[in-house]
Structure formats: structure tokens, C-alpha cells
Amino acid sequence: MASTVKCKCGAEYIRRDTKFLAKHKGNAFCEDCGTMLESWESTHVPSFEHIERGAAAYAEESTWG
């Protein structure tokens, strides 16, 4: 099942779970601002597909000159 996750910077991600037999531990961070989206230690491991850029990405792009 997929859901939409929005970072505080405005970036959006599609979040999907994959089930494993053993627990996995990890973290996911926003590609635009670096904020932690989620931390886990579970047999249900999320993956995040970046679908919308956030304000941090637009601010960085405007300084490229």
C-alpha cells in the first residue's frame, strides 16, 4: 500500500512498505533539506520516491547563478 508523505520543506514522497522476514534498521532523509522523514527497526521497511521538490531545492537552484 502506498501513501504520500510531505516534509516540512514542502517536498513530497510516495511511501511504500516492503515486508522482510528479519528486522531491518534504517533512516530516510529528505533529498531537498536533509530532514529525517522516518526511522525504523522493523520487518516492514519503507521506501520513498521523491515526487515533488521542496522549498530548499528551489532556494538552492536560485543561487546557481
N, C-alpha and C. Protein backbone atom coordinates (compact mmCIF):
# COMPACT_ATOMS: atom_id res chain seq x y z
N MET A 1 0.84 -1.18 0.00
CA MET A 1 0.00 0.00 0.00
C MET A 1 0.89 1.24 0.00
N ALA A 2 0.54 2.22 -0.78
CA ALA A 2 1.32 3.45 -0.88
C ALA A 2 0.59 4.60 -0.20
N SER A 3 1.38 5.52 0.35
CA SER A 3 0.83 6.73 0.93
C SER A 3 1.74 7.89 0.55
N THR A 4 1.25 9.10 0.74
CA THR A 4 2.03 10.29 0.43
C THR A 4 2.56 10.88 1.73
N VAL A 5 3.85 11.22 1.72
CA VAL A 5 4.50 11.83 2.89
C VAL A 5 5.01 13.20 2.46
N LYS A 6 4.78 14.21 3.29
CA LYS A 6 5.23 15.56 2.98
C LYS A 6 6.22 16.02 4.05
N CYS A 7 7.38 16.49 3.60
CA CYS A 7 8.40 17.02 4.50
C CYS A 7 8.02 18.45 4.90
N LYS A 8 8.63 18.94 5.97
CA LYS A 8 8.34 20.31 6.41
C LYS A 8 8.77 21.36 5.39
N CYS A 9 9.69 21.00 4.47
CA CYS A 9 10.14 21.95 3.44
C CYS A 9 9.20 21.97 2.24
N GLY A 10 8.23 21.05 2.21
CA GLY A 10 7.27 21.00 1.12
C GLY A 10 7.52 19.88 0.14
N ALA A 11 8.67 19.20 0.24
CA ALA A 11 8.94 18.06 -0.65
C ALA A 11 7.93 16.95 -0.37
N GLU A 12 7.54 16.26 -1.43
CA GLU A 12 6.58 15.16 -1.28
C GLU A 12 7.19 13.85 -1.77
N TYR A 13 6.80 12.78 -1.10
CA TYR A 13 7.30 11.44 -1.40
C TYR A 13 6.15 10.46 -1.40
N ILE A 14 6.26 9.44 -2.25
CA ILE A 14 5.37 8.28 -2.15
C ILE A 14 6.08 7.27 -1.28
N ARG A 15 5.42 6.82 -0.23
CA ARG A 15 5.99 5.87 0.73
C ARG A 15 5.34 4.51 0.52
N ARG A 16 6.20 3.49 0.37
CA ARG A 16 5.73 2.11 0.21
C ARG A 16 6.48 1.23 1.22
N ASP A 17 5.82 0.19 1.69
CA ASP A 17 6.44 -0.78 2.60
C ASP A 17 6.77 -2.07 1.88
N THR A 18 7.90 -2.65 2.25
CA THR A 18 8.28 -3.98 1.82
C THR A 18 8.45 -4.83 3.07
N LYS A 19 7.87 -6.03 3.06
CA LYS A 19 7.94 -6.92 4.23
C LYS A 19 9.10 -7.88 4.08
N PHE A 20 9.91 -7.99 5.14
CA PHE A 20 11.04 -8.91 5.20
C PHE A 20 10.83 -9.89 6.35
N LEU A 21 11.54 -11.00 6.33
CA LEU A 21 11.44 -11.97 7.42
C LEU A 21 12.22 -11.52 8.65
N ALA A 22 13.33 -10.84 8.43
CA ALA A 22 14.16 -10.34 9.53
C ALA A 22 14.01 -8.82 9.66
N LYS A 23 14.24 -8.32 10.85
CA LYS A 23 14.16 -6.87 11.07
C LYS A 23 15.29 -6.14 10.35
N HIS A 24 14.97 -4.97 9.85
CA HIS A 24 15.93 -4.07 9.23
C HIS A 24 15.88 -2.76 10.00
N LYS A 25 17.01 -2.11 10.09
CA LYS A 25 17.10 -0.83 10.79
C LYS A 25 17.58 0.22 9.79
N GLY A 26 17.00 1.40 9.83
CA GLY A 26 17.44 2.44 8.92
C GLY A 26 16.74 3.76 9.12
N ASN A 27 17.11 4.72 8.30
CA ASN A 27 16.55 6.07 8.32
C ASN A 27 16.35 6.53 6.89
N ALA A 28 15.39 7.42 6.70
CA ALA A 28 15.18 8.06 5.40
C ALA A 28 15.21 9.57 5.63
N PHE A 29 15.92 10.26 4.74
CA PHE A 29 16.07 11.70 4.85
C PHE A 29 15.55 12.39 3.60
N CYS A 30 15.05 13.60 3.77
CA CYS A 30 14.57 14.40 2.65
C CYS A 30 15.74 14.73 1.73
N GLU A 31 15.53 14.53 0.43
CA GLU A 31 16.57 14.81 -0.57
C GLU A 31 16.82 16.31 -0.73
N ASP A 32 15.85 17.13 -0.35
CA ASP A 32 15.97 18.57 -0.55
C ASP A 32 16.56 19.31 0.64
N CYS A 33 16.13 18.97 1.86
CA CYS A 33 16.58 19.74 3.03
C CYS A 33 17.33 18.91 4.07
N GLY A 34 17.31 17.59 3.95
CA GLY A 34 18.05 16.73 4.87
C GLY A 34 17.31 16.34 6.13
N THR A 35 16.07 16.78 6.30
CA THR A 35 15.28 16.42 7.48
C THR A 35 14.98 14.92 7.47
N MET A 36 15.04 14.28 8.65
CA MET A 36 14.70 12.86 8.74
C MET A 36 13.20 12.69 8.51
N LEU A 37 12.85 11.86 7.55
CA LEU A 37 11.45 11.57 7.27
C LEU A 37 10.93 10.46 8.17
N GLU A 38 11.78 9.46 8.39
CA GLU A 38 11.35 8.31 9.19
C GLU A 38 12.56 7.50 9.62
N SER A 39 12.45 6.88 10.79
CA SER A 39 13.44 5.95 11.30
C SER A 39 12.71 4.65 11.60
N TRP A 40 13.35 3.50 11.35
CA TRP A 40 12.67 2.23 11.57
C TRP A 40 13.62 1.15 12.04
N GLU A 41 13.06 0.18 12.71
CA GLU A 41 13.69 -1.09 13.06
C GLU A 41 12.54 -2.09 13.06
N SER A 42 12.32 -2.70 11.91
CA SER A 42 11.10 -3.45 11.69
C SER A 42 11.26 -4.44 10.54
N THR A 43 10.31 -5.35 10.43
CA THR A 43 10.25 -6.23 9.26
C THR A 43 9.52 -5.54 8.10
N HIS A 44 8.86 -4.43 8.39
CA HIS A 44 8.21 -3.60 7.36
C HIS A 44 9.13 -2.41 7.08
N VAL A 45 9.79 -2.44 5.93
CA VAL A 45 10.79 -1.43 5.60
C VAL A 45 10.23 -0.48 4.54
N PRO A 46 10.22 0.83 4.86
CA PRO A 46 9.68 1.79 3.90
C PRO A 46 10.67 2.16 2.80
N SER A 47 10.13 2.55 1.66
CA SER A 47 10.93 3.16 0.61
C SER A 47 10.21 4.46 0.23
N PHE A 48 10.99 5.43 -0.21
CA PHE A 48 10.44 6.76 -0.50
C PHE A 48 10.81 7.17 -1.92
N GLU A 49 9.81 7.52 -2.71
CA GLU A 49 10.02 8.01 -4.07
C GLU A 49 9.74 9.51 -4.08
N HIS A 50 10.75 10.29 -4.42
CA HIS A 50 10.66 11.76 -4.44
C HIS A 50 9.79 12.19 -5.61
N ILE A 51 8.66 12.86 -5.33
CA ILE A 51 7.75 13.24 -6.41
C ILE A 51 7.57 14.75 -6.56
N GLU A 52 7.95 15.53 -5.54
CA GLU A 52 7.79 16.99 -5.61
C GLU A 52 8.91 17.65 -4.82
N ARG A 53 9.58 18.61 -5.46
CA ARG A 53 10.67 19.30 -4.77
C ARG A 53 10.11 20.25 -3.72
N GLY A 54 10.91 20.44 -2.67
CA GLY A 54 10.54 21.34 -1.59
C GLY A 54 11.21 22.70 -1.74
N ALA A 55 10.92 23.59 -0.82
CA ALA A 55 11.44 24.95 -0.85
C ALA A 55 12.97 24.98 -0.82
N ALA A 56 13.61 24.06 -0.12
CA ALA A 56 15.08 24.04 -0.03
C ALA A 56 15.70 23.83 -1.40
N ALA A 57 15.10 23.00 -2.23
CA ALA A 57 15.63 22.73 -3.57
C ALA A 57 15.49 23.97 -4.45
N TYR A 58 14.38 24.68 -4.33
CA TYR A 58 14.18 25.89 -5.13
C TYR A 58 15.13 26.99 -4.69
N ALA A 59 15.37 27.11 -3.39
CA ALA A 59 16.29 28.14 -2.88
C ALA A 59 17.71 27.86 -3.36
N GLU A 60 18.14 26.61 -3.34
CA GLU A 60 19.47 26.23 -3.80
C GLU A 60 19.62 26.49 -5.29
N GLU A 61 18.58 26.19 -6.06
CA GLU A 61 18.61 26.38 -7.50
C GLU A 61 18.77 27.87 -7.87
N SER A 62 18.16 28.75 -7.09
CA SER A 62 18.23 30.20 -7.41
C SER A 62 19.61 30.79 -7.13
N THR A 63 20.46 30.11 -6.38
CA THR A 63 21.80 30.61 -6.07
C THR A 63 22.84 30.10 -7.08
N TRP A 64 22.44 29.30 -8.06
CA TRP A 64 23.38 28.73 -9.02
C TRP A 64 23.90 29.76 -10.02
N GLY A 65 23.25 30.87 -10.14
CA GLY A 65 23.67 31.99 -10.90
C GLY A 65 23.90 31.94 -12.29
